[in-house]
């Protein structure tokens, strides 16, 4: 709770006028429960070599291991470390005392996603149950502005997102799990058939179908704000399957790279789009099986990370100076990139100006 009260200093009822940003579109991607340790250090040798967690240790090591941590993280996340590290910014390497934290005290998914999109770490949001979120989210706020009506879309693997973003009230387009894709585009019709026929190793559709649905929707309908929520990393970590956790993280990085390639090839999006990648919560370390878990009893689980790339983000790469950011600052940041001041009936944390001020 101490962290939560310290974080309140970041709330502000007023906003400073923004300089005119070049960003016209925002794309947000989350990797559920993805540890900062792998993002900044690559595969963890202690877990990788433990056959309890990595059944094919030799094969997985061949894919993801290198004695040099810099090369190791590139093997796991080539897009983050070859593209964003060159043209954008990455926050949250705690080995340099650069920290990004949850402000909510719970360190699991619904509270984390609420914090990301409402800018308010509401302590009343304390379960993963399908409860309609009373807090206003930044996506519905943007969707109500002229020029953004029906130009905000969400694609998620987890089926709780309609409740997190309260589609009853917000009227946002949210395609979650195997919601039917009711569109005329042939590619979306094909993805719709495939998602119903595929096996579901984690109980919901595979992340790749969430991604393809989002990409083809983007091509066909050109939203100005797109959010993609992946889920497999968290599920495989809970299952103690470190090899699958790494493979899913690597695949999600490839999907993000593919999406950025499309963005940079499209006149609608090229040099007009900011991409932000983050996660809802962290996980424990490798001690006593804690890497599999998160929640209030695991202090490290409140440690997260942020990556950003776009026309308003200076190409600094990995931030190696001491600092502290909070997840709750992201909501106002999404709006600020579009030259909007996110306000709600509840408190909203100040934006991360460093993302869009060069």
Protein backbone atom coordinates (compact mmCIF):
# COMPACT_ATOMS: atom_id res chain seq x y z
CA UNK A 1 0.00 0.00 0.00
CA UNK A 2 2.95 2.31 0.60
CA UNK A 3 3.70 2.26 -3.13
CA UNK A 4 0.12 3.26 -3.91
CA UNK A 5 0.15 6.31 -1.63
CA UNK A 6 3.53 7.44 -2.93
CA UNK A 7 2.14 7.18 -6.44
CA UNK A 8 -0.67 9.63 -5.68
CA UNK A 9 1.73 12.52 -6.12
CA UNK A 10 1.56 11.81 -9.85
CA UNK A 11 -2.13 12.68 -10.00
CA UNK A 12 -3.02 16.11 -11.32
CA UNK A 13 -6.36 17.81 -11.82
CA UNK A 14 -4.94 20.15 -14.43
CA UNK A 15 -2.93 19.62 -17.57
CA UNK A 16 -0.12 21.59 -19.12
CA UNK A 17 -0.69 22.50 -22.78
CA UNK A 18 0.98 19.99 -25.09
CA UNK A 19 3.24 20.81 -27.98
CA UNK A 20 1.74 19.66 -31.26
CA UNK A 21 2.71 16.03 -31.75
CA UNK A 22 3.15 14.37 -35.13
CA UNK A 23 1.39 11.24 -33.92
CA UNK A 24 -2.02 10.73 -35.56
CA UNK A 25 -2.48 7.06 -34.62
CA UNK A 26 -1.64 5.03 -31.52
CA UNK A 27 -1.10 1.26 -31.40
CA UNK A 28 -0.84 -0.43 -27.99
CA UNK A 29 0.28 -4.02 -27.41
CA UNK A 30 0.44 -5.86 -24.08
CA UNK A 31 2.24 -9.12 -23.28
CA UNK A 32 0.43 -10.49 -20.25
CA UNK A 33 2.69 -11.14 -17.27
CA UNK A 34 5.93 -10.77 -19.26
CA UNK A 35 8.82 -10.34 -16.82
CA UNK A 36 11.23 -7.45 -17.22
CA UNK A 37 14.05 -9.88 -16.46
CA UNK A 38 13.63 -11.62 -19.83
CA UNK A 39 12.93 -8.38 -21.68
CA UNK A 40 16.26 -6.88 -20.57
CA UNK A 41 18.30 -10.02 -19.94
CA UNK A 42 16.92 -12.72 -22.21
CA UNK A 43 16.38 -16.30 -21.12
CA UNK A 44 17.12 -16.97 -17.44
CA UNK A 45 19.73 -19.72 -17.19
CA UNK A 46 18.54 -21.01 -13.80
CA UNK A 47 15.04 -21.67 -15.15
CA UNK A 48 16.19 -22.68 -18.62
CA UNK A 49 18.40 -25.46 -17.24
CA UNK A 50 15.76 -26.76 -14.83
CA UNK A 51 14.05 -29.74 -16.50
CA UNK A 52 11.05 -29.24 -14.21
CA UNK A 53 10.28 -26.08 -16.18
CA UNK A 54 12.04 -26.60 -19.51
CA UNK A 55 11.42 -30.08 -20.88
CA UNK A 56 13.49 -29.50 -24.01
CA UNK A 57 16.31 -27.61 -22.35
CA UNK A 58 18.81 -28.36 -25.11
CA UNK A 59 16.55 -27.27 -27.96
CA UNK A 60 15.28 -24.20 -26.11
CA UNK A 61 18.84 -23.20 -25.21
CA UNK A 62 19.82 -23.54 -28.86
CA UNK A 63 17.08 -21.10 -29.79
CA UNK A 64 17.44 -18.55 -27.02
CA UNK A 65 20.73 -18.87 -25.15
CA UNK A 66 23.89 -16.82 -25.54
CA UNK A 67 26.48 -16.17 -22.84
CA UNK A 68 26.26 -12.44 -23.59
CA UNK A 69 23.09 -10.90 -22.11
CA UNK A 70 22.88 -8.30 -24.87
CA UNK A 71 22.89 -10.97 -27.56
CA UNK A 72 20.63 -13.21 -25.49
CA UNK A 73 17.85 -10.66 -25.26
CA UNK A 74 18.12 -10.03 -29.00
CA UNK A 75 17.54 -13.72 -29.65
CA UNK A 76 14.36 -13.61 -27.59
CA UNK A 77 13.09 -10.17 -28.61
CA UNK A 78 14.74 -9.20 -31.94
CA UNK A 79 12.21 -6.45 -32.71
CA UNK A 80 12.53 -4.80 -29.30
CA UNK A 81 16.32 -4.85 -29.41
CA UNK A 82 17.01 -4.26 -33.11
CA UNK A 83 14.25 -1.78 -33.93
CA UNK A 84 12.82 -0.11 -30.82
CA UNK A 85 16.27 0.04 -29.19
CA UNK A 86 17.50 1.86 -32.31
CA UNK A 87 14.57 4.15 -33.05
CA UNK A 88 12.63 4.38 -29.79
CA UNK A 89 12.90 3.96 -26.02
CA UNK A 90 12.76 1.12 -23.50
CA UNK A 91 12.06 1.76 -19.82
CA UNK A 92 12.29 -0.61 -16.88
CA UNK A 93 15.78 -2.14 -16.68
CA UNK A 94 16.11 -2.31 -12.93
CA UNK A 95 19.76 -3.33 -13.21
CA UNK A 96 20.29 0.35 -14.09
CA UNK A 97 17.85 1.43 -11.38
CA UNK A 98 15.40 2.44 -14.11
CA UNK A 99 12.04 1.35 -12.74
CA UNK A 100 8.47 1.04 -13.97
CA UNK A 101 5.96 -0.08 -11.34
CA UNK A 102 2.34 -0.98 -10.86
CA UNK A 103 0.69 1.64 -8.66
CA UNK A 104 -2.15 -0.74 -7.80
CA UNK A 105 -1.27 -3.05 -4.88
CA UNK A 106 -2.59 -6.30 -6.39
CA UNK A 107 -0.16 -7.21 -9.20
CA UNK A 108 -2.52 -9.24 -11.37
CA UNK A 109 -4.39 -8.74 -14.62
CA UNK A 110 -7.71 -6.89 -14.20
CA UNK A 111 -6.26 -4.30 -11.78
CA UNK A 112 -3.27 -3.88 -14.11
CA UNK A 113 -5.33 -3.35 -17.24
CA UNK A 114 -7.64 -1.02 -15.35
CA UNK A 115 -4.59 0.99 -14.32
CA UNK A 116 -3.20 1.10 -17.86
CA UNK A 117 -6.40 2.40 -19.44
CA UNK A 118 -8.04 4.49 -16.72
CA UNK A 119 -4.92 6.06 -15.23
CA UNK A 120 -6.38 5.26 -11.85
CA UNK A 121 -5.12 2.36 -9.66
CA UNK A 122 -8.51 1.90 -8.06
CA UNK A 123 -8.22 -0.35 -4.99
CA UNK A 124 -11.85 -1.40 -5.50
CA UNK A 125 -10.77 -3.19 -8.69
CA UNK A 126 -9.39 -6.24 -6.94
CA UNK A 127 -10.41 -9.40 -8.83
CA UNK A 128 -10.31 -10.96 -12.29
CA UNK A 129 -14.05 -11.58 -12.25
CA UNK A 130 -16.25 -10.45 -15.13
CA UNK A 131 -17.45 -7.26 -13.46
CA UNK A 132 -18.31 -4.16 -15.47
CA UNK A 133 -15.62 -1.58 -14.76
CA UNK A 134 -17.06 1.64 -13.30
CA UNK A 135 -13.97 3.68 -14.21
CA UNK A 136 -13.74 5.66 -17.44
CA UNK A 137 -11.02 4.39 -19.77
CA UNK A 138 -8.94 6.46 -22.16
CA UNK A 139 -10.06 4.47 -25.20
CA UNK A 140 -13.70 5.44 -24.72
CA UNK A 141 -12.56 9.00 -24.02
CA UNK A 142 -10.71 9.12 -27.34
CA UNK A 143 -13.56 7.39 -29.16
CA UNK A 144 -15.91 10.26 -28.27
CA UNK A 145 -13.71 12.93 -29.87
CA UNK A 146 -14.40 14.25 -33.33
CA UNK A 147 -12.52 12.29 -35.95
CA UNK A 148 -12.07 9.27 -33.67
CA UNK A 149 -15.66 8.03 -33.55
CA UNK A 150 -15.66 4.27 -34.35
CA UNK A 151 -11.95 4.53 -35.07
CA UNK A 152 -10.87 2.76 -31.86
CA UNK A 153 -10.63 -1.04 -31.85
CA UNK A 154 -9.52 -3.71 -29.38
CA UNK A 155 -8.51 -7.32 -30.03
CA UNK A 156 -7.78 -9.51 -27.02
CA UNK A 157 -7.14 -13.16 -26.33
CA UNK A 158 -8.60 -12.94 -22.80
CA UNK A 159 -12.39 -12.83 -22.67
CA UNK A 160 -12.56 -10.43 -19.69
CA UNK A 161 -11.66 -7.35 -21.74
CA UNK A 162 -15.27 -6.41 -22.61
CA UNK A 163 -15.76 -5.97 -18.85
CA UNK A 164 -12.45 -4.22 -18.20
CA UNK A 165 -13.29 -1.67 -20.92
CA UNK A 166 -17.02 -1.80 -20.07
CA UNK A 167 -18.44 -2.17 -23.57
CA UNK A 168 -21.96 -1.76 -22.16
CA UNK A 169 -21.15 1.86 -21.38
CA UNK A 170 -18.20 2.69 -23.60
CA UNK A 171 -19.63 1.19 -26.83
CA UNK A 172 -16.07 0.37 -27.87
CA UNK A 173 -15.46 -2.34 -30.46
CA UNK A 174 -13.81 -5.16 -28.49
CA UNK A 175 -13.18 -8.54 -30.11
CA UNK A 176 -12.25 -10.98 -27.33
CA UNK A 177 -11.41 -14.68 -27.38
CA UNK A 178 -13.58 -16.19 -30.14
CA UNK A 179 -16.08 -13.39 -30.62
CA UNK A 180 -17.43 -13.71 -34.15
CA UNK A 181 -15.76 -11.39 -36.64
CA UNK A 182 -18.79 -9.97 -38.46
CA UNK A 183 -17.05 -8.19 -41.32
CA UNK A 184 -17.17 -8.45 -45.10
CA UNK A 185 -13.40 -8.63 -45.59
CA UNK A 186 -12.61 -12.21 -46.81
CA UNK A 187 -9.46 -12.37 -44.67
CA UNK A 188 -11.49 -11.70 -41.52
CA UNK A 189 -14.04 -14.31 -42.49
CA UNK A 190 -11.24 -16.87 -42.91
CA UNK A 191 -9.69 -15.98 -39.53
CA UNK A 192 -13.15 -16.31 -37.99
CA UNK A 193 -13.45 -19.90 -39.28
CA UNK A 194 -9.92 -20.79 -38.19
CA UNK A 195 -10.27 -19.51 -34.63
CA UNK A 196 -13.29 -21.73 -34.04
CA UNK A 197 -11.59 -24.82 -35.46
CA UNK A 198 -8.15 -24.56 -33.83
CA UNK A 199 -7.06 -26.29 -30.65
CA UNK A 200 -6.90 -23.98 -27.62
CA UNK A 201 -3.92 -24.98 -25.44
CA UNK A 202 -4.59 -22.20 -22.90
CA UNK A 203 -8.39 -22.41 -23.05
CA UNK A 204 -8.88 -19.39 -25.32
CA UNK A 205 -7.90 -18.77 -28.92
CA UNK A 206 -4.15 -18.69 -29.61
CA UNK A 207 -2.55 -15.26 -29.65
CA UNK A 208 -1.70 -15.60 -33.33
CA UNK A 209 -5.41 -15.51 -34.23
CA UNK A 210 -5.91 -12.45 -32.05
CA UNK A 211 -3.03 -10.85 -33.92
CA UNK A 212 -4.17 -11.76 -37.44
CA UNK A 213 -7.69 -10.55 -36.67
CA UNK A 214 -6.28 -7.22 -35.47
CA UNK A 215 -3.92 -6.85 -38.43
CA UNK A 216 -6.53 -7.62 -41.06
CA UNK A 217 -9.03 -5.33 -39.33
CA UNK A 218 -6.39 -2.59 -39.39
CA UNK A 219 -5.86 -3.09 -43.12
CA UNK A 220 -9.56 -3.13 -43.93
CA UNK A 221 -10.92 -0.44 -41.58
CA UNK A 222 -7.89 1.71 -40.68
CA UNK A 223 -8.57 2.54 -37.01
CA UNK A 224 -6.73 5.46 -35.46
CA UNK A 225 -6.27 3.66 -32.15
CA UNK A 226 -5.68 -0.09 -31.99
CA UNK A 227 -5.05 -2.20 -28.89
CA UNK A 228 -3.88 -5.83 -29.06
CA UNK A 229 -3.80 -7.85 -25.82
CA UNK A 230 -1.78 -11.08 -25.91
CA UNK A 231 -2.17 -13.68 -23.16
CA UNK A 232 -0.05 -16.79 -23.71
CA UNK A 233 3.04 -15.68 -21.80
CA UNK A 234 1.10 -15.48 -18.55
CA UNK A 235 -0.67 -18.80 -19.02
CA UNK A 236 2.47 -20.76 -19.87
CA UNK A 237 4.31 -19.18 -16.94
CA UNK A 238 1.54 -20.21 -14.55
CA UNK A 239 1.78 -23.73 -15.97
CA UNK A 240 5.52 -23.77 -15.25
CA UNK A 241 6.34 -24.28 -18.95
CA UNK A 242 9.33 -21.98 -19.36
CA UNK A 243 10.13 -23.19 -22.88
CA UNK A 244 6.61 -22.34 -24.05
CA UNK A 245 6.73 -19.02 -22.20
CA UNK A 246 9.88 -18.10 -24.14
CA UNK A 247 8.48 -19.34 -27.43
CA UNK A 248 5.29 -17.32 -26.98
CA UNK A 249 7.26 -14.19 -26.05
CA UNK A 250 9.43 -14.64 -29.15
CA UNK A 251 6.38 -15.20 -31.36
CA UNK A 252 4.64 -12.11 -29.96
CA UNK A 253 7.76 -10.05 -30.68
CA UNK A 254 7.60 -11.35 -34.28
CA UNK A 255 3.94 -10.36 -34.52
CA UNK A 256 4.74 -6.86 -33.30
CA UNK A 257 7.54 -6.66 -35.87
CA UNK A 258 5.12 -7.74 -38.59
CA UNK A 259 2.61 -5.12 -37.47
CA UNK A 260 5.25 -2.38 -37.45
CA UNK A 261 6.31 -3.44 -40.94
CA UNK A 262 2.74 -2.96 -42.14
CA UNK A 263 2.48 0.39 -40.34
CA UNK A 264 5.64 1.65 -42.00
CA UNK A 265 4.46 0.45 -45.43
CA UNK A 266 1.08 2.20 -45.25
CA UNK A 267 0.67 5.89 -46.23
CA UNK A 268 -2.11 6.08 -43.64
CA UNK A 269 0.22 5.09 -40.80
CA UNK A 270 3.85 5.60 -41.83
CA UNK A 271 5.65 8.18 -39.68
CA UNK A 272 2.30 9.10 -38.11
CA UNK A 273 1.93 6.24 -35.64
CA UNK A 274 3.29 5.65 -32.14
CA UNK A 275 3.56 2.06 -30.91
CA UNK A 276 3.68 1.35 -27.18
CA UNK A 277 4.39 -2.14 -25.83
CA UNK A 278 4.02 -3.02 -22.15
CA UNK A 279 2.54 -5.55 -19.72
CA UNK A 280 -0.14 -5.67 -17.04
CA UNK A 281 2.07 -6.98 -14.20
CA UNK A 282 5.38 -8.68 -13.57
CA UNK A 283 6.20 -11.96 -11.89
CA UNK A 284 8.38 -13.22 -9.09
CA UNK A 285 12.02 -14.15 -9.51
CA UNK A 286 13.33 -17.69 -9.91
CA UNK A 287 13.58 -18.34 -6.17
CA UNK A 288 11.12 -20.88 -4.75
CA UNK A 289 9.10 -21.17 -7.95
CA UNK A 290 8.09 -17.50 -7.75
CA UNK A 291 8.68 -16.84 -11.47
CA UNK A 292 5.45 -18.74 -12.15
CA UNK A 293 3.36 -16.46 -9.97
CA UNK A 294 2.31 -12.91 -9.21
CA UNK A 295 -0.03 -11.13 -6.82
CA UNK A 296 0.14 -9.26 -3.54
CA UNK A 297 2.35 -11.87 -1.84
CA UNK A 298 5.06 -11.56 -4.49
CA UNK A 299 6.69 -8.15 -4.27
CA UNK A 300 8.57 -8.40 -7.57
CA UNK A 301 5.28 -8.86 -9.44
CA UNK A 302 4.69 -5.10 -9.37
CA UNK A 303 7.73 -4.54 -11.59
CA UNK A 304 6.92 -3.90 -15.26
CA UNK A 305 8.41 -2.26 -18.38
CA UNK A 306 7.47 -0.02 -21.32
CA UNK A 307 8.75 0.25 -24.90
CA UNK A 308 7.80 3.09 -27.27
CA UNK A 309 8.55 4.01 -30.87
CA UNK A 310 7.06 6.69 -33.09
CA UNK A 311 7.54 10.10 -34.69
CA UNK A 312 7.54 11.97 -31.38
CA UNK A 313 9.77 9.55 -29.45
CA UNK A 314 13.48 10.34 -29.42
CA UNK A 315 15.68 7.43 -30.63
CA UNK A 316 17.52 6.95 -27.34
CA UNK A 317 17.00 3.20 -26.90
CA UNK A 318 17.43 1.60 -23.49
CA UNK A 319 17.11 4.13 -20.68
CA UNK A 320 20.08 3.59 -18.38
CA UNK A 321 19.53 6.42 -15.92
CA UNK A 322 17.82 6.01 -12.56
CA UNK A 323 14.14 6.86 -12.61
CA UNK A 324 10.66 5.75 -11.63
CA UNK A 325 7.54 5.61 -13.78
CA UNK A 326 4.14 4.15 -13.00
CA UNK A 327 1.77 2.11 -15.11
CA UNK A 328 -1.06 4.53 -14.32
CA UNK A 329 0.73 7.23 -16.36
CA UNK A 330 0.09 5.38 -19.61
CA UNK A 331 -3.58 6.34 -20.05
CA UNK A 332 -2.87 10.07 -20.19
CA UNK A 333 0.17 9.34 -22.36
CA UNK A 334 -1.96 7.62 -25.02
CA UNK A 335 -4.22 10.68 -25.14
CA UNK A 336 -1.36 13.18 -25.04
CA UNK A 337 0.26 11.58 -28.06
CA UNK A 338 -2.92 12.53 -29.94
CA UNK A 339 -2.83 16.04 -28.44
CA UNK A 340 -5.74 15.24 -26.10
CA UNK A 341 -6.02 15.78 -22.33
CA UNK A 342 -7.54 12.69 -20.75
CA UNK A 343 -9.92 13.65 -17.95
CA UNK A 344 -12.46 11.59 -16.02
CA UNK A 345 -14.63 11.79 -12.91
CA UNK A 346 -11.92 9.86 -11.07
CA UNK A 347 -8.28 10.97 -10.67
CA UNK A 348 -5.99 10.47 -13.67
CA UNK A 349 -2.19 10.26 -13.38
CA UNK A 350 0.03 12.64 -15.31
CA UNK A 351 1.41 11.45 -18.68
CA UNK A 352 4.94 10.27 -19.36
CA UNK A 353 6.10 13.35 -21.22
CA UNK A 354 9.47 11.80 -21.93
CA UNK A 355 7.81 9.47 -24.44
CA UNK A 356 6.60 12.27 -26.71
CA UNK A 357 8.81 15.25 -25.89
CA UNK A 358 12.15 15.09 -27.66
